[in-house]
Amino acid sequence: MSEIIQRRNYDNFLRAFMEHSKFVTVPTLYLKWSCISIVSAALGRKAWIHVQENDVYPNLYVMLAGHSGIRKSTAIKKATKIIKRVKGINLMSNQVTEATLIDQMERASKSTSVMLNNKVYPTGTLYIVAGEASTTLKEIKGNIVVCLTDFYDCGDEGWSQTASWTKETISRGKTQIFNPCVNMLACSNQAFMKEFIAAREIDGGFASRIMFVNCVDNDRDLISEIDLEGKYATKKAECDDMFDNLVEDLELISKMKGKFKKTHGWISEFDKFNKTTEKLKMDNPDSVLNGYYNRRAFHAVRLSQVFSAMDSDEMMVRKEHLLRAIACLEEIEPLMPQVFSYAYSNPNAENIRRIREFIRVKGEVRGQQLTGKFWETIDGEDMKKCLHTLLSMGTIKKVDDTKNPYNPTYIYQESRQVL
């Protein structure tokens, strides 16, 4: 049961955070998922839900992906500035290597504990924040991928005072980490993603545990400094003043502990979503998202706990929390194939980006226009492949011309965003 009795400042943490960030010119999705990540990290391993014979914890690995200059790290800083003021959150303080990760997890296990049912349990919890993944996460490969995979799953013993994640080496001897749990919030561009996600690791499990939030455009207009200090000055000051209240509310969220209860509405919606996901897998057997689809239902379970905690401390997941979780996943899924394509070093990746940008600027173009624009660098077969990828991603749609079937119209579609 939760021990929280203090009233929160806001009835919905995400909505309050987005208001606090109203004048930050960063893609909405980046801000939203950065907020989701800090709430997930505040909950850590102290809260969980039992689903299909598994205890599922709300920890998440979130990766903001996109081209350089789209202000991914700005979104991370805006959110993590809040959680850095919350007591009891263990933040990774060095570059992430296998040795530093295990060392800090072990130290956390010795210094952090949770009382549940009148028993005290040590817990090795850690929050990895990488404003620039190419620096902080550059050694994410090999054995450390195994560690991060294990720590994401939070062990398989539930809460235990004796069972631990154990590793023995000649130099360190025996290392024990009790009740492990890692959250991660990082950002990266295309160049680093090619190294970060080896193609062999997508189906293997590590990449399928990551929420890749990919943005190609900034949906927020830049506000001039003159306007910020002029006509928006009063409103901006009000938004900035929300900071301390958000810290207080996240502190209260961090005190939540115990098992979430499920309403009948949540259970019914989860069963329906599970069937939908199974159909997706069957209908797309060769999709690069297959590894992700295998975990999709449990990603929604994790997120529904986060959304419940954003609303209140009642430790109850309701249908609306799961629906919000599903909407979040459906919001980022259209651009996920683009991220996974980096791992396979798609030779047409740059061509896809150029074609997409040309259609975006024009709004809509005819097939002959594309041929005329790119005939020097993209041949007919590659053009077909690029357009097929953009169509499957939902970035463009095709309108056939009945009078001239060889000259269809391609129309740019904005990515759908749900708040």
Protein backbone atom coordinates (compact mmCIF):
# COMPACT_ATOMS: atom_id res chain seq x y z
CA MET A 1 0.00 0.00 0.00
CA SER A 2 1.12 3.56 -0.67
CA GLU A 3 2.12 5.67 2.33
CA ILE A 4 1.61 9.03 0.60
CA ILE A 5 -0.78 11.40 2.36
CA GLN A 6 0.41 14.81 1.14
CA ARG A 7 -1.75 16.39 -1.54
CA ARG A 8 -0.09 16.99 -4.90
CA ASN A 9 0.20 20.37 -6.56
CA TYR A 10 -1.10 19.10 -9.93
CA ASP A 11 -3.68 16.47 -10.81
CA ASN A 12 -1.67 15.29 -13.83
CA PHE A 13 2.13 15.45 -13.80
CA LEU A 14 2.58 15.17 -17.57
CA ARG A 15 0.10 17.94 -18.33
CA ALA A 16 1.78 20.16 -15.73
CA PHE A 17 5.25 19.42 -17.13
CA MET A 18 4.14 20.27 -20.67
CA GLU A 19 2.74 23.58 -19.40
CA HIS A 20 6.01 24.22 -17.58
CA SER A 21 7.80 23.57 -20.92
CA LYS A 22 5.40 25.66 -23.01
CA PHE A 23 8.07 28.06 -24.26
CA VAL A 24 10.75 25.48 -24.95
CA THR A 25 11.13 25.04 -28.71
CA VAL A 26 11.71 21.30 -28.65
CA PRO A 27 9.61 18.62 -30.44
CA THR A 28 6.60 17.79 -28.30
CA LEU A 29 7.36 14.07 -28.40
CA TYR A 30 10.83 14.60 -26.94
CA LEU A 31 9.46 16.59 -24.02
CA LYS A 32 6.66 14.11 -23.44
CA TRP A 33 8.91 11.05 -23.36
CA SER A 34 11.54 12.80 -21.24
CA CYS A 35 8.79 13.46 -18.70
CA ILE A 36 7.62 9.83 -18.90
CA SER A 37 11.20 8.74 -18.27
CA ILE A 38 11.71 10.76 -15.08
CA VAL A 39 8.42 9.48 -13.63
CA SER A 40 9.48 5.94 -14.52
CA ALA A 41 12.84 6.53 -12.80
CA ALA A 42 11.13 7.99 -9.73
CA LEU A 43 9.05 4.81 -9.39
CA GLY A 44 12.05 2.56 -10.06
CA ARG A 45 11.57 -0.97 -8.77
CA LYS A 46 9.44 0.00 -5.76
CA ALA A 47 6.20 -0.37 -7.73
CA TRP A 48 5.11 -3.20 -9.99
CA ILE A 49 2.15 -5.00 -11.49
CA HIS A 50 1.51 -8.74 -11.83
CA VAL A 51 0.55 -9.73 -15.38
CA GLN A 52 0.58 -13.16 -17.01
CA GLU A 53 2.56 -14.75 -14.17
CA ASN A 54 5.17 -11.96 -14.29
CA ASP A 55 5.96 -9.04 -12.02
CA VAL A 56 6.37 -6.14 -14.46
CA TYR A 57 8.17 -3.02 -13.25
CA PRO A 58 7.66 0.47 -14.73
CA ASN A 59 11.32 1.09 -15.67
CA LEU A 60 11.98 2.14 -19.27
CA TYR A 61 14.83 2.61 -21.72
CA VAL A 62 14.01 5.73 -23.77
CA MET A 63 16.14 6.85 -26.71
CA LEU A 64 15.42 10.18 -28.40
CA ALA A 65 16.55 9.74 -32.00
CA GLY A 66 16.84 12.34 -34.72
CA HIS A 67 19.17 14.48 -36.75
CA SER A 68 21.66 16.86 -35.15
CA GLY A 69 20.29 20.26 -34.16
CA ILE A 70 16.73 19.13 -33.38
CA ARG A 71 17.37 19.81 -29.64
CA LYS A 72 17.09 16.32 -28.19
CA SER A 73 19.43 17.11 -25.30
CA THR A 74 17.42 20.26 -24.47
CA ALA A 75 14.36 18.08 -23.78
CA ILE A 76 16.42 15.77 -21.57
CA LYS A 77 17.85 18.67 -19.58
CA LYS A 78 14.41 20.19 -19.05
CA ALA A 79 13.10 16.98 -17.48
CA THR A 80 16.16 15.75 -15.61
CA LYS A 81 16.64 19.14 -13.95
CA ILE A 82 13.53 18.19 -11.96
CA ILE A 83 14.54 14.66 -10.97
CA LYS A 84 18.01 15.80 -9.90
CA ARG A 85 16.28 17.64 -7.07
CA VAL A 86 14.50 14.46 -5.88
CA LYS A 87 16.18 12.59 -3.03
CA GLY A 88 17.06 8.92 -3.34
CA ILE A 89 17.51 8.76 -7.14
CA ASN A 90 20.85 7.17 -8.09
CA LEU A 91 22.06 8.79 -11.30
CA MET A 92 24.87 7.26 -13.35
CA SER A 93 27.78 9.63 -12.91
CA ASN A 94 30.32 8.39 -15.49
CA GLN A 95 30.60 7.17 -19.01
CA VAL A 96 28.74 3.85 -19.19
CA THR A 97 31.07 0.86 -19.44
CA GLU A 98 30.54 -2.63 -18.08
CA ALA A 99 32.88 -1.90 -15.14
CA THR A 100 31.35 1.48 -14.18
CA LEU A 101 27.80 0.18 -14.55
CA ILE A 102 28.38 -2.83 -12.31
CA ASP A 103 30.36 -0.76 -9.80
CA GLN A 104 27.62 1.85 -9.41
CA MET A 105 24.87 -0.76 -9.33
CA GLU A 106 26.73 -2.60 -6.57
CA ARG A 107 27.17 0.61 -4.57
CA ALA A 108 23.49 1.45 -5.02
CA SER A 109 22.60 -2.04 -3.82
CA LYS A 110 24.56 -1.43 -0.62
CA SER A 111 23.23 2.06 0.05
CA THR A 112 19.59 1.88 -1.11
CA SER A 113 16.81 -0.17 0.45
CA VAL A 114 13.02 -0.47 0.35
CA MET A 115 10.70 -1.64 3.12
CA LEU A 116 7.90 -3.89 1.92
CA ASN A 117 5.60 -5.87 4.21
CA ASN A 118 7.83 -5.03 7.21
CA LYS A 119 10.93 -6.41 5.49
CA VAL A 120 13.90 -4.37 4.29
CA TYR A 121 15.26 -5.19 0.84
CA PRO A 122 18.47 -3.81 -0.67
CA THR A 123 18.01 -2.62 -4.24
CA GLY A 124 20.53 -1.69 -6.89
CA THR A 125 18.64 0.96 -8.85
CA LEU A 126 20.25 3.36 -11.31
CA TYR A 127 19.12 6.06 -13.74
CA ILE A 128 21.35 6.47 -16.80
CA VAL A 129 21.01 9.91 -18.38
CA ALA A 130 22.96 10.50 -21.58
CA GLY A 131 22.43 13.92 -23.10
CA GLU A 132 24.85 12.90 -25.83
CA ALA A 133 24.83 9.14 -26.24
CA SER A 134 27.85 9.07 -28.54
CA THR A 135 29.94 10.17 -25.55
CA THR A 136 28.23 8.51 -22.58
CA LEU A 137 27.18 5.25 -24.25
CA LYS A 138 29.97 4.74 -26.77
CA GLU A 139 31.00 1.40 -25.27
CA ILE A 140 27.52 -0.15 -25.29
CA LYS A 141 28.40 -3.48 -26.86
CA GLY A 142 29.27 -7.05 -25.93
CA ASN A 143 28.98 -7.94 -22.24
CA ILE A 144 27.48 -4.61 -21.20
CA VAL A 145 24.50 -5.27 -23.48
CA VAL A 146 23.91 -8.47 -21.51
CA CYS A 147 24.08 -6.48 -18.24
CA LEU A 148 21.66 -3.81 -19.45
CA THR A 149 19.27 -6.49 -20.70
CA ASP A 150 19.34 -8.23 -17.30
CA PHE A 151 18.91 -4.99 -15.35
CA TYR A 152 16.00 -3.89 -17.53
CA ASP A 153 14.21 -7.11 -16.59
CA CYS A 154 14.88 -6.37 -12.89
CA GLY A 155 15.88 -9.96 -12.10
CA ASP A 156 13.55 -12.94 -11.98
CA GLU A 157 13.22 -13.48 -8.23
CA GLY A 158 10.70 -10.77 -7.33
CA TRP A 159 11.87 -9.10 -4.11
CA SER A 160 14.55 -11.08 -2.29
CA GLN A 161 16.96 -10.52 0.61
CA THR A 162 19.24 -13.34 -0.54
CA ALA A 163 18.99 -13.90 -4.32
CA SER A 164 21.12 -11.52 -6.37
CA TRP A 165 22.53 -10.77 -9.80
CA THR A 166 26.06 -12.13 -9.50
CA LYS A 167 29.24 -11.78 -11.52
CA GLU A 168 32.72 -13.10 -10.72
CA THR A 169 35.96 -11.84 -12.22
CA ILE A 170 39.62 -12.34 -11.32
CA SER A 171 40.17 -8.64 -10.69
CA ARG A 172 36.95 -7.82 -8.78
CA GLY A 173 36.11 -11.15 -7.23
CA LYS A 174 32.40 -11.76 -6.58
CA THR A 175 29.97 -8.90 -7.22
CA GLN A 176 26.39 -9.10 -5.96
CA ILE A 177 23.57 -6.74 -6.91
CA PHE A 178 20.29 -7.26 -5.09
CA ASN A 179 16.95 -6.46 -6.72
CA PRO A 180 18.47 -4.62 -9.72
CA CYS A 181 16.67 -2.04 -11.85
CA VAL A 182 17.92 0.40 -14.49
CA ASN A 183 16.14 3.27 -16.22
CA MET A 184 17.73 5.04 -19.16
CA LEU A 185 17.09 8.30 -21.01
CA ALA A 186 19.46 9.08 -23.88
CA CYS A 187 19.61 10.79 -27.24
CA SER A 188 21.44 10.04 -30.44
CA ASN A 189 21.71 10.88 -34.12
CA GLN A 190 21.82 8.54 -37.11
CA ALA A 191 25.61 8.18 -37.17
CA PHE A 192 25.77 6.82 -33.62
CA MET A 193 22.67 4.66 -34.02
CA LYS A 194 24.50 2.58 -36.64
CA GLU A 195 27.00 1.60 -33.93
CA PHE A 196 24.53 1.53 -31.04
CA ILE A 197 22.14 -1.01 -32.54
CA ALA A 198 23.97 -3.87 -34.17
CA ALA A 199 21.59 -5.63 -36.54
CA ARG A 200 22.11 -8.91 -34.70
CA GLU A 201 20.86 -7.34 -31.45
CA ILE A 202 17.45 -6.25 -32.73
CA ASP A 203 15.88 -9.71 -32.62
CA GLY A 204 18.24 -10.72 -29.82
CA GLY A 205 16.46 -8.56 -27.30
CA PHE A 206 18.37 -5.44 -26.26
CA ALA A 207 17.08 -3.04 -28.92
CA SER A 208 13.53 -4.41 -28.53
CA ARG A 209 13.57 -3.13 -24.94
CA ILE A 210 14.19 0.46 -26.03
CA MET A 211 11.52 3.05 -26.75
CA PHE A 212 12.92 4.82 -29.82
CA VAL A 213 11.34 8.26 -30.08
CA ASN A 214 12.25 9.48 -33.55
CA CYS A 215 11.43 12.99 -34.76
CA VAL A 216 12.25 14.45 -38.14
CA ASP A 217 10.68 17.88 -37.59
CA ASN A 218 10.25 20.32 -34.72
CA ASP A 219 6.51 20.90 -34.34
CA ARG A 220 7.09 23.95 -32.13
CA ASP A 221 7.80 27.36 -33.65
CA LEU A 222 10.82 29.29 -32.44
CA ILE A 223 9.82 32.23 -30.24
CA SER A 224 12.02 35.31 -30.53
CA GLU A 225 13.86 36.61 -27.50
CA ILE A 226 12.04 39.93 -27.94
CA ASP A 227 8.67 38.19 -27.55
CA LEU A 228 9.88 36.07 -24.63
CA GLU A 229 10.91 39.19 -22.76
CA GLY A 230 7.95 41.18 -24.04
CA LYS A 231 4.43 39.94 -24.69
CA TYR A 232 5.08 36.44 -23.31
CA ALA A 233 7.13 37.50 -20.29
CA THR A 234 4.37 37.18 -17.68
CA LYS A 235 3.12 33.81 -18.94
CA LYS A 236 6.66 32.45 -19.26
CA ALA A 237 7.43 33.48 -15.67
CA GLU A 238 4.31 31.59 -14.52
CA CYS A 239 5.46 28.48 -16.39
CA ASP A 240 8.98 28.75 -14.96
CA ASP A 241 7.56 29.14 -11.45
CA MET A 242 5.98 25.67 -11.71
CA PHE A 243 9.42 24.07 -11.27
CA ASP A 244 9.44 23.74 -7.46
CA ASN A 245 5.90 22.34 -7.43
CA LEU A 246 6.88 19.75 -10.04
CA VAL A 247 9.86 18.74 -7.89
CA GLU A 248 7.51 18.29 -4.91
CA ASP A 249 5.09 16.17 -6.94
CA LEU A 250 7.86 13.97 -8.36
CA GLU A 251 9.18 13.53 -4.81
CA LEU A 252 5.76 12.22 -3.81
CA ILE A 253 5.68 9.88 -6.82
CA SER A 254 9.11 8.55 -5.79
CA LYS A 255 7.62 7.45 -2.47
CA MET A 256 4.99 5.23 -4.08
CA LYS A 257 5.59 1.53 -3.50
CA GLY A 258 3.80 -1.78 -3.69
CA LYS A 259 1.77 -3.69 -6.27
CA PHE A 260 -0.59 -1.88 -8.63
CA LYS A 261 -4.13 -3.23 -8.71
CA LYS A 262 -5.91 -3.69 -12.04
CA THR A 263 -9.49 -2.71 -12.82
CA HIS A 264 -11.65 -4.99 -14.97
CA GLY A 265 -11.54 -2.33 -17.67
CA TRP A 266 -7.73 -2.44 -17.72
CA ILE A 267 -7.71 -6.26 -17.94
CA SER A 268 -10.24 -6.31 -20.78
CA GLU A 269 -8.34 -3.63 -22.73
CA PHE A 270 -5.02 -5.42 -22.19
CA ASP A 271 -6.41 -8.68 -23.60
CA LYS A 272 -7.72 -6.79 -26.63
CA PHE A 273 -4.38 -5.01 -27.16
CA ASN A 274 -2.50 -8.29 -26.82
CA LYS A 275 -4.59 -9.84 -29.60
CA THR A 276 -4.05 -6.78 -31.81
CA THR A 277 -0.30 -7.05 -31.32
CA GLU A 278 -0.30 -10.77 -32.14
CA LYS A 279 -2.13 -9.97 -35.38
CA LEU A 280 0.49 -7.32 -36.20
CA LYS A 281 3.22 -9.95 -35.82
CA MET A 282 1.36 -12.43 -38.02
CA ASP A 283 0.60 -9.86 -40.71
CA ASN A 284 4.20 -8.56 -40.79
CA PRO A 285 6.46 -11.62 -40.35
CA ASP A 286 9.49 -9.92 -41.94
CA SER A 287 9.14 -6.54 -40.24
CA VAL A 288 12.20 -5.00 -38.57
CA LEU A 289 9.82 -4.32 -35.66
CA ASN A 290 9.24 -8.00 -34.87
CA GLY A 291 11.51 -7.93 -31.82
CA TYR A 292 9.66 -4.84 -30.59
CA TYR A 293 6.27 -6.45 -31.29
CA ASN A 294 7.26 -9.36 -29.03
CA ARG A 295 7.48 -6.88 -26.13
CA ARG A 296 4.87 -4.38 -27.23
CA ALA A 297 2.16 -5.52 -24.82
CA PHE A 298 4.52 -5.33 -21.85
CA HIS A 299 5.76 -1.90 -22.94
CA ALA A 300 2.14 -0.82 -22.61
CA VAL A 301 1.95 -2.45 -19.17
CA ARG A 302 5.01 -0.51 -17.99
CA LEU A 303 3.67 2.75 -19.38
CA SER A 304 0.23 2.29 -17.84
CA GLN A 305 1.85 2.20 -14.40
CA VAL A 306 3.66 5.45 -15.19
CA PHE A 307 0.44 7.14 -16.31
CA SER A 308 -1.35 5.94 -13.20
CA ALA A 309 1.40 7.39 -11.01
CA MET A 310 1.17 10.69 -12.89
CA ASP A 311 -2.49 10.97 -11.88
CA SER A 312 -2.50 9.86 -8.25
CA ASP A 313 -0.96 7.64 -5.58
CA GLU A 314 -3.87 5.17 -5.39
CA MET A 315 -1.79 2.36 -6.97
CA MET A 316 -4.55 1.44 -9.40
CA VAL A 317 -4.19 1.03 -13.16
CA ARG A 318 -7.37 1.80 -15.03
CA LYS A 319 -8.52 1.42 -18.62
CA GLU A 320 -7.72 5.06 -19.39
CA HIS A 321 -4.11 4.58 -18.24
CA LEU A 322 -3.64 1.68 -20.64
CA LEU A 323 -5.31 3.58 -23.47
CA ARG A 324 -2.92 6.49 -22.93
CA ALA A 325 -0.02 4.04 -22.93
CA ILE A 326 -1.20 2.47 -26.20
CA ALA A 327 -1.64 5.92 -27.77
CA CYS A 328 1.95 6.76 -26.81
CA LEU A 329 3.25 3.62 -28.51
CA GLU A 330 1.17 4.15 -31.63
CA GLU A 331 2.51 7.70 -31.76
CA ILE A 332 6.17 6.66 -32.04
CA GLU A 333 5.78 3.42 -34.03
CA PRO A 334 5.44 4.96 -37.55
CA LEU A 335 9.00 6.31 -37.44
CA MET A 336 10.57 3.35 -35.63
CA PRO A 337 11.43 1.49 -38.86
CA GLN A 338 13.61 4.44 -39.83
CA VAL A 339 15.62 4.04 -36.61
CA PHE A 340 16.00 0.28 -37.03
CA SER A 341 17.07 0.76 -40.64
CA TYR A 342 20.24 2.43 -39.36
CA ALA A 343 21.35 -0.89 -37.88
CA TYR A 344 21.19 -2.53 -41.24
CA SER A 345 23.16 0.30 -42.90
CA ASN A 346 20.39 0.81 -45.44
CA PRO A 347 22.16 2.14 -48.56
CA ASN A 348 19.03 4.16 -49.38
CA ALA A 349 18.73 5.84 -45.96
CA GLU A 350 20.07 9.17 -47.18
CA ASN A 351 18.00 8.98 -50.37
CA ILE A 352 14.86 8.29 -48.32
CA ARG A 353 15.61 11.33 -46.18
CA ARG A 354 16.13 13.57 -49.26
CA ILE A 355 12.94 12.38 -50.97
CA ARG A 356 10.95 12.76 -47.80
CA GLU A 357 12.22 16.30 -47.24
CA PHE A 358 11.44 17.27 -50.87
CA ILE A 359 7.85 16.01 -50.57
CA ARG A 360 7.48 17.69 -47.15
CA VAL A 361 8.51 21.10 -48.51
CA LYS A 362 6.29 20.79 -51.61
CA GLY A 363 3.32 19.31 -49.72
CA GLU A 364 2.52 17.07 -52.65
CA VAL A 365 4.42 16.09 -55.80
CA ARG A 366 3.86 14.03 -58.92
CA GLY A 367 5.96 10.96 -59.68
CA GLN A 368 7.50 12.66 -62.72
CA GLN A 369 8.61 15.57 -60.53
CA LEU A 370 10.54 13.16 -58.31
CA THR A 371 12.19 11.55 -61.34
CA GLY A 372 13.16 14.94 -62.69
CA LYS A 373 14.53 16.10 -59.34
CA PHE A 374 16.62 13.02 -58.48
CA TRP A 375 17.44 11.37 -61.84
CA GLU A 376 21.18 12.03 -61.44
CA THR A 377 21.54 10.22 -58.09
CA ILE A 378 18.60 7.79 -57.71
CA ASP A 379 17.71 5.23 -60.36
CA GLY A 380 14.22 3.88 -60.99
CA GLU A 381 14.51 0.77 -58.81
CA ASP A 382 15.95 2.66 -55.85
CA MET A 383 13.25 5.32 -56.21
CA LYS A 384 10.59 2.58 -55.95
CA LYS A 385 12.26 1.19 -52.80
CA CYS A 386 12.51 4.62 -51.18
CA LEU A 387 8.86 5.46 -51.89
CA HIS A 388 7.78 2.03 -50.62
CA THR A 389 9.64 2.68 -47.33
CA LEU A 390 8.07 6.13 -46.90
CA LEU A 391 4.62 4.75 -47.66
CA SER A 392 5.03 1.88 -45.15
CA MET A 393 6.19 4.39 -42.51
CA GLY A 394 3.05 6.46 -43.10
CA THR A 395 5.15 9.53 -43.90
CA ILE A 396 3.53 9.94 -47.32
CA LYS A 397 0.41 8.66 -49.02
CA LYS A 398 -0.09 7.82 -52.69
CA VAL A 399 -2.98 9.01 -54.86
CA ASP A 400 -3.20 7.26 -58.25
CA ASP A 401 -4.10 9.20 -61.38
CA THR A 402 -6.64 7.17 -63.36
CA LYS A 403 -5.80 9.07 -66.55
CA ASN A 404 -2.05 8.62 -66.15
CA PRO A 405 -1.26 5.59 -63.94
CA TYR A 406 2.49 6.13 -64.37
CA ASN A 407 2.37 9.56 -62.72
CA PRO A 408 0.75 9.23 -59.26
CA THR A 409 0.70 12.01 -56.65
CA TYR A 410 2.58 11.61 -53.37
CA ILE A 411 1.28 13.68 -50.45
CA TYR A 412 3.24 14.40 -47.26
CA GLN A 413 1.56 13.45 -43.96
CA GLU A 414 2.51 14.90 -40.59
CA SER A 415 3.26 12.33 -37.86
CA ARG A 416 0.29 11.89 -35.51
CA GLN A 417 0.84 13.17 -31.96
CA VAL A 418 -1.30 12.38 -28.95
CA LEU A 419 -1.14 14.32 -25.68
